[in-house]
Amino acid sequence: MPIPGEEALRYFSAAGYRSLPIEAEHAAAVASLPAHHHDPFDRLLAAQALTEPMRLVTHDATLALYSDTVIRV
């Protein structure tokens, strides 16, 4: 059952998650990505993971094509 966004934010904060703002470098990196995925938000997530660098965990097989930085679970 879905929970309200405000409640989700409290859970994330309590668990120690931090927000990652979208920076100009992330947006610029989207242009250099191969056209594996057509969802602009998913492409932005991949660009953030590659730019930072950090791991992105996903169940999306197409998103995982971008790099071994993107881990499919």
Protein backbone atom coordinates (compact mmCIF):
# COMPACT_ATOMS: atom_id res chain seq x y z
CA MET A 1 0.00 0.00 0.00
CA PRO A 2 1.50 3.37 -0.99
CA ILE A 3 2.37 5.87 1.71
CA PRO A 4 2.09 9.66 1.44
CA GLY A 5 5.18 11.49 0.20
CA GLU A 6 5.67 13.40 3.45
CA GLU A 7 5.70 10.14 5.40
CA ALA A 8 8.17 8.59 2.96
CA LEU A 9 10.49 11.57 3.46
CA ARG A 10 10.42 11.01 7.23
CA TYR A 11 11.30 7.32 6.75
CA PHE A 12 14.15 8.17 4.40
CA SER A 13 15.53 10.78 6.77
CA ALA A 14 15.30 8.41 9.76
CA ALA A 15 17.15 5.75 7.75
CA GLY A 16 20.01 8.17 7.02
CA TYR A 17 19.31 8.78 3.33
CA ARG A 18 20.39 12.11 1.88
CA SER A 19 18.90 14.00 -1.04
CA LEU A 20 20.99 14.37 -4.17
CA PRO A 21 20.15 17.63 -5.93
CA ILE A 22 20.17 17.73 -9.71
CA GLU A 23 23.21 19.74 -10.75
CA ALA A 24 24.07 21.24 -14.14
CA GLU A 25 26.75 18.55 -14.60
CA HIS A 26 24.10 15.84 -14.26
CA ALA A 27 21.86 17.45 -16.85
CA ALA A 28 24.78 17.92 -19.25
CA ALA A 29 25.84 14.27 -18.81
CA VAL A 30 22.45 13.08 -20.08
CA ALA A 31 23.40 14.23 -23.59
CA SER A 32 26.40 11.88 -23.67
CA LEU A 33 24.41 8.77 -22.71
CA PRO A 34 23.62 6.16 -25.36
CA ALA A 35 19.92 5.94 -26.22
CA HIS A 36 19.30 2.74 -24.21
CA HIS A 37 16.44 4.22 -22.24
CA HIS A 38 13.80 6.69 -23.38
CA ASP A 39 12.50 7.76 -19.96
CA PRO A 40 14.10 11.16 -19.25
CA PHE A 41 13.99 10.72 -15.46
CA ASP A 42 15.72 7.34 -15.64
CA ARG A 43 18.35 8.80 -17.96
CA LEU A 44 18.94 11.57 -15.43
CA LEU A 45 19.37 9.01 -12.63
CA ALA A 46 21.94 7.16 -14.73
CA ALA A 47 23.76 10.41 -15.49
CA GLN A 48 23.87 11.29 -11.78
CA ALA A 49 25.27 7.87 -10.90
CA LEU A 50 27.97 8.15 -13.55
CA THR A 51 28.86 11.77 -12.75
CA GLU A 52 29.10 11.51 -8.96
CA PRO A 53 30.26 8.54 -9.19
CA MET A 54 27.88 6.42 -7.16
CA ARG A 55 25.90 3.23 -7.49
CA LEU A 56 22.34 3.18 -8.77
CA VAL A 57 20.34 0.11 -7.81
CA THR A 58 17.39 -0.71 -10.08
CA HIS A 59 15.16 -3.52 -11.24
CA ASP A 60 15.08 -1.99 -14.75
CA ALA A 61 17.18 -4.14 -17.10
CA THR A 62 17.32 -1.36 -19.71
CA LEU A 63 18.62 1.17 -17.20
CA ALA A 64 21.30 -1.30 -16.12
CA LEU A 65 22.76 -1.24 -19.66
CA TYR A 66 24.42 2.13 -19.01
CA SER A 67 27.28 0.95 -16.84
CA ASP A 68 28.38 -1.47 -14.17
CA THR A 69 27.74 1.54 -11.89
CA VAL A 70 24.04 0.76 -12.42
CA ILE A 71 23.29 -2.48 -10.61
CA ARG A 72 20.26 -4.56 -11.53
CA VAL A 73 18.66 -6.42 -8.65
